[in-house]
Amino acid sequence: MEKTVEKIVRWLQVQVKEAGVNGLMVGVSGGLDSAVAAHLIKRAFPENSLGVIMPLNSSLTDMDHANKVIESCGINQLTIDLTETHQVMYSQIQQKIKEQNEFNEDNDQLAGANLRARLRMSTLYAVAANYNYLVTGTDNAAEWYTGYFTKYGDGGVDILPLVDFTKTEVREMAEYLGVPKEIIHKKPSADLWEGQTDEGEMGTTYDKIDAYLKGEKIPAKDKEVIEKMHQRTEHKRNPANQFHLTK
């Protein structure tokens, strides 16, 4: 694990040098992946790294965990509350659609949740522009394969240091890096709505996805869920389709 962490840290340093920027930043949610990313970028750039906490109707537990991540790695920190911003923006969107009698209640929760992720992305890039930093993503191999991220939300980043690692491997890395135990063992959540958990929304578990990615045998129903998610989210892993005028 020591060698793996050293390789990631060197890779992060190369990315910054090649981009001609000053350092790295990451949104810190209180979850496992962002905790590991925060520890890694702090190691890569002790003086030029930043963790941004962005509460948005977030639970007190998650905010407590986010602050414990900051303390555990000693990274510089900003807290920017987006609760009111989201409320004002989404209520206006809802109002205008309702005026057209075209409001789709079935899609309301997901639309509001994805706006949360995209507001956080916009916030990170506004802060990154100030410091001339790259935005570090937190997606692991399981999330990337299944497309379990918001397009142009938490998927809108500059670099992805954890995308080659399963959730299990990220957890092992967290143990090595000194991430607080309660964060390592908490139920994964994208903080999209109250009570939301990743595994509850996906319909399978990270352990099953990790096993699938390693080529191990898993129950047929889990395999079907994973493969359908991968197929349905292919667009998230590719640039926007482009029209080219053939001559």
Protein backbone atom coordinates (compact mmCIF):
# COMPACT_ATOMS: atom_id res chain seq x y z
CA MET A 1 0.00 0.00 0.00
CA GLU A 2 2.88 2.37 0.72
CA LYS A 3 4.17 1.96 -2.84
CA THR A 4 0.68 2.44 -4.28
CA VAL A 5 0.17 5.67 -2.36
CA GLU A 6 3.60 6.92 -3.42
CA LYS A 7 2.74 6.22 -7.08
CA ILE A 8 -0.56 8.11 -6.80
CA VAL A 9 1.15 11.06 -5.10
CA ARG A 10 3.79 11.24 -7.83
CA TRP A 11 1.07 11.02 -10.48
CA LEU A 12 -0.81 13.90 -8.85
CA GLN A 13 2.34 16.00 -8.85
CA VAL A 14 2.87 15.28 -12.56
CA GLN A 15 -0.72 16.29 -13.38
CA VAL A 16 -0.25 19.66 -11.70
CA LYS A 17 3.09 20.27 -13.39
CA GLU A 18 1.76 19.36 -16.84
CA ALA A 19 -1.32 21.55 -16.37
CA GLY A 20 0.79 24.48 -15.23
CA VAL A 21 -1.35 25.09 -12.14
CA ASN A 22 -0.55 25.67 -8.47
CA GLY A 23 -2.11 22.70 -6.69
CA LEU A 24 -5.16 20.52 -6.10
CA MET A 25 -8.55 20.69 -4.41
CA VAL A 26 -11.41 18.31 -3.63
CA GLY A 27 -14.95 18.48 -2.33
CA VAL A 28 -15.06 16.81 1.09
CA SER A 29 -18.41 15.18 1.82
CA GLY A 30 -17.64 13.14 4.91
CA GLY A 31 -17.59 9.95 2.84
CA LEU A 32 -14.82 7.45 2.26
CA ASP A 33 -13.70 8.36 -1.26
CA SER A 34 -13.40 12.10 -0.73
CA ALA A 35 -11.57 11.43 2.55
CA VAL A 36 -8.96 9.34 0.74
CA ALA A 37 -8.66 11.93 -2.04
CA ALA A 38 -8.15 14.71 0.53
CA HIS A 39 -5.36 12.76 2.24
CA LEU A 40 -3.68 12.04 -1.10
CA ILE A 41 -3.69 15.60 -2.41
CA LYS A 42 -2.44 16.89 0.94
CA ARG A 43 0.51 14.49 0.65
CA ALA A 44 1.15 15.59 -2.93
CA PHE A 45 0.92 19.32 -2.15
CA PRO A 46 1.23 20.02 1.58
CA GLU A 47 0.99 23.81 1.09
CA ASN A 48 -1.14 23.96 -2.08
CA SER A 49 -4.15 21.74 -1.50
CA LEU A 50 -7.67 22.54 -0.39
CA GLY A 51 -10.69 20.64 0.93
CA VAL A 52 -14.07 22.27 0.32
CA ILE A 53 -17.07 21.29 2.45
CA MET A 54 -20.37 22.14 0.75
CA PRO A 55 -23.36 21.44 3.00
CA LEU A 56 -26.72 21.31 1.24
CA ASN A 57 -29.41 20.11 3.64
CA SER A 58 -26.68 17.71 4.75
CA SER A 59 -26.89 15.63 7.92
CA LEU A 60 -25.03 16.76 11.02
CA THR A 61 -23.22 13.41 11.01
CA ASP A 62 -21.88 13.92 7.48
CA MET A 63 -20.71 17.43 8.31
CA ASP A 64 -19.04 16.19 11.47
CA HIS A 65 -17.29 13.49 9.41
CA ALA A 66 -16.23 16.04 6.78
CA ASN A 67 -14.60 18.17 9.45
CA LYS A 68 -12.89 15.11 10.93
CA VAL A 69 -11.40 14.39 7.49
CA ILE A 70 -10.00 17.93 7.40
CA GLU A 71 -8.51 17.47 10.86
CA SER A 72 -7.10 14.02 10.13
CA CYS A 73 -5.08 15.13 7.11
CA GLY A 74 -4.48 18.78 8.07
CA ILE A 75 -5.54 20.12 4.68
CA ASN A 76 -6.53 23.78 4.17
CA GLN A 77 -10.30 24.12 4.22
CA LEU A 78 -13.28 26.21 3.10
CA THR A 79 -16.95 25.66 3.95
CA ILE A 80 -19.53 27.02 1.51
CA ASP A 81 -23.19 26.38 2.37
CA LEU A 82 -25.26 25.80 -0.78
CA THR A 83 -28.61 25.08 0.90
CA GLU A 84 -30.21 28.46 0.14
CA THR A 85 -28.69 28.61 -3.36
CA HIS A 86 -30.23 25.25 -4.26
CA GLN A 87 -33.59 26.14 -2.73
CA VAL A 88 -33.87 29.43 -4.62
CA MET A 89 -32.69 27.99 -7.93
CA TYR A 90 -34.72 24.77 -7.93
CA SER A 91 -37.91 26.41 -6.68
CA GLN A 92 -37.75 28.83 -9.63
CA ILE A 93 -37.19 25.93 -12.04
CA GLN A 94 -40.16 24.05 -10.58
CA GLN A 95 -42.36 27.15 -10.69
CA LYS A 96 -41.66 27.86 -14.37
CA ILE A 97 -42.29 24.26 -15.40
CA LYS A 98 -45.51 24.14 -13.36
CA GLU A 99 -46.71 27.32 -15.09
CA GLN A 100 -46.50 25.34 -18.34
CA ASN A 101 -48.48 22.46 -16.76
CA GLU A 102 -45.56 20.19 -17.63
CA PHE A 103 -44.20 19.33 -14.17
CA ASN A 104 -43.16 15.67 -13.88
CA GLU A 105 -43.47 14.67 -10.23
CA ASP A 106 -41.86 11.26 -10.87
CA ASN A 107 -38.59 12.91 -11.91
CA ASP A 108 -38.64 15.70 -9.33
CA GLN A 109 -36.48 14.07 -6.64
CA LEU A 110 -33.75 13.01 -9.06
CA ALA A 111 -33.72 16.39 -10.85
CA GLY A 112 -33.30 18.21 -7.55
CA ALA A 113 -30.63 15.76 -6.41
CA ASN A 114 -28.62 16.09 -9.61
CA LEU A 115 -28.81 19.87 -9.30
CA ARG A 116 -27.16 19.49 -5.88
CA ALA A 117 -24.24 17.65 -7.44
CA ARG A 118 -23.95 20.20 -10.27
CA LEU A 119 -24.05 23.16 -7.89
CA ARG A 120 -21.21 21.58 -5.96
CA MET A 121 -19.24 21.10 -9.17
CA SER A 122 -19.79 24.74 -10.17
CA THR A 123 -18.69 25.87 -6.72
CA LEU A 124 -15.51 23.81 -6.89
CA TYR A 125 -14.57 25.26 -10.28
CA ALA A 126 -15.25 28.83 -9.11
CA VAL A 127 -12.95 28.25 -6.13
CA ALA A 128 -10.39 26.44 -8.32
CA ALA A 129 -10.22 29.46 -10.64
CA ASN A 130 -9.30 31.65 -7.69
CA TYR A 131 -6.45 29.43 -6.53
CA ASN A 132 -5.44 28.11 -9.96
CA TYR A 133 -5.96 24.53 -8.76
CA LEU A 134 -7.16 21.35 -10.49
CA VAL A 135 -10.41 19.80 -9.25
CA THR A 136 -9.79 16.27 -8.01
CA GLY A 137 -12.52 13.67 -8.54
CA THR A 138 -13.39 10.90 -6.08
CA ASP A 139 -14.97 8.20 -8.28
CA ASN A 140 -13.65 4.69 -7.69
CA ALA A 141 -13.68 1.78 -10.17
CA ALA A 142 -17.11 0.54 -9.07
CA GLU A 143 -18.73 3.97 -9.47
CA TRP A 144 -17.04 4.58 -12.81
CA TYR A 145 -18.04 1.21 -14.28
CA THR A 146 -21.67 1.47 -13.17
CA GLY A 147 -21.94 5.17 -13.97
CA TYR A 148 -22.90 5.90 -10.39
CA PHE A 149 -22.11 9.60 -10.57
CA THR A 150 -23.89 12.70 -11.82
CA LYS A 151 -22.90 13.74 -15.31
CA TYR A 152 -21.34 17.23 -15.05
CA GLY A 153 -21.83 16.95 -11.28
CA ASP A 154 -19.44 14.85 -9.22
CA GLY A 155 -18.35 13.47 -12.61
CA GLY A 156 -17.24 16.97 -13.66
CA VAL A 157 -13.60 17.00 -12.55
CA ASP A 158 -10.07 17.41 -13.91
CA ILE A 159 -8.39 14.27 -12.60
CA LEU A 160 -9.47 10.90 -11.17
CA PRO A 161 -6.81 9.33 -8.93
CA LEU A 162 -9.05 6.56 -7.54
CA VAL A 163 -10.75 5.34 -10.72
CA ASP A 164 -8.54 2.24 -10.97
CA PHE A 165 -9.33 1.06 -7.42
CA THR A 166 -12.32 -0.94 -6.16
CA LYS A 167 -14.28 0.26 -3.15
CA THR A 168 -12.57 -2.43 -1.08
CA GLU A 169 -9.13 -1.18 -2.18
CA VAL A 170 -10.09 2.44 -1.42
CA ARG A 171 -11.15 1.31 2.05
CA GLU A 172 -7.78 -0.40 2.55
CA MET A 173 -6.04 2.77 1.38
CA ALA A 174 -8.07 4.78 3.87
CA GLU A 175 -6.85 2.54 6.71
CA TYR A 176 -3.24 3.12 5.64
CA LEU A 177 -3.69 6.89 5.29
CA GLY A 178 -5.27 7.30 8.72
CA VAL A 179 -8.84 8.21 7.73
CA PRO A 180 -11.07 8.14 10.85
CA LYS A 181 -12.59 4.69 11.48
CA GLU A 182 -16.20 5.89 11.57
CA ILE A 183 -15.80 7.19 8.01
CA ILE A 184 -14.15 4.03 6.73
CA HIS A 185 -17.02 1.86 7.94
CA LYS A 186 -20.05 4.10 7.28
CA LYS A 187 -22.68 3.30 4.65
CA PRO A 188 -21.71 5.01 1.37
CA SER A 189 -24.00 7.88 0.36
CA ALA A 190 -23.87 10.54 -2.35
CA ASP A 191 -25.84 12.89 -0.03
CA LEU A 192 -28.49 13.35 -2.72
CA TRP A 193 -31.49 13.31 -0.38
CA GLU A 194 -32.28 12.47 3.24
CA GLY A 195 -31.67 8.80 4.01
CA GLN A 196 -30.18 8.08 0.58
CA THR A 197 -27.54 5.34 0.37
CA ASP A 198 -25.57 4.28 -2.69
CA GLU A 199 -26.32 0.57 -2.35
CA GLY A 200 -30.01 1.14 -1.68
CA GLU A 201 -30.30 3.19 -4.85
CA MET A 202 -28.20 0.87 -7.03
CA GLY A 203 -29.94 -2.33 -6.02
CA THR A 204 -26.66 -4.17 -5.42
CA THR A 205 -23.62 -3.81 -3.17
CA TYR A 206 -20.09 -2.50 -3.65
CA ASP A 207 -18.77 -5.91 -2.61
CA LYS A 208 -20.70 -7.52 -5.48
CA ILE A 209 -19.52 -4.87 -7.96
CA ASP A 210 -15.92 -5.26 -6.79
CA ALA A 211 -16.17 -9.04 -7.20
CA TYR A 212 -17.67 -8.62 -10.69
CA LEU A 213 -14.84 -6.29 -11.73
CA LYS A 214 -12.31 -8.87 -10.53
CA GLY A 215 -13.98 -11.55 -12.68
CA GLU A 216 -15.37 -13.46 -9.71
CA LYS A 217 -18.71 -15.28 -9.77
CA ILE A 218 -21.64 -13.35 -8.28
CA PRO A 219 -25.42 -14.01 -8.13
CA ALA A 220 -27.15 -13.68 -11.50
CA LYS A 221 -29.49 -10.92 -10.30
CA ASP A 222 -26.56 -8.77 -9.17
CA LYS A 223 -24.70 -9.40 -12.43
CA GLU A 224 -27.78 -8.29 -14.36
CA VAL A 225 -28.10 -5.07 -12.32
CA ILE A 226 -24.41 -4.22 -12.79
CA GLU A 227 -24.38 -4.88 -16.53
CA LYS A 228 -27.57 -2.88 -17.08
CA MET A 229 -26.14 0.05 -15.15
CA HIS A 230 -22.97 -0.08 -17.22
CA GLN A 231 -24.87 -0.13 -20.52
CA ARG A 232 -27.34 2.57 -19.49
CA THR A 233 -24.60 4.97 -18.37
CA GLU A 234 -22.16 4.60 -21.26
CA HIS A 235 -22.81 8.23 -22.25
CA LYS A 236 -21.39 9.41 -18.92
CA ARG A 237 -17.97 7.93 -19.64
CA ASN A 238 -17.68 9.46 -23.11
CA PRO A 239 -17.58 13.01 -24.46
CA ALA A 240 -20.79 14.48 -25.85
CA ASN A 241 -21.77 13.08 -29.25
CA GLN A 242 -20.52 15.38 -31.97
CA PHE A 243 -21.95 16.05 -35.40
CA HIS A 244 -19.36 16.30 -38.17
CA LEU A 245 -20.29 17.52 -41.60
CA THR A 246 -18.78 15.05 -44.05
CA LYS A 247 -17.46 16.55 -47.24
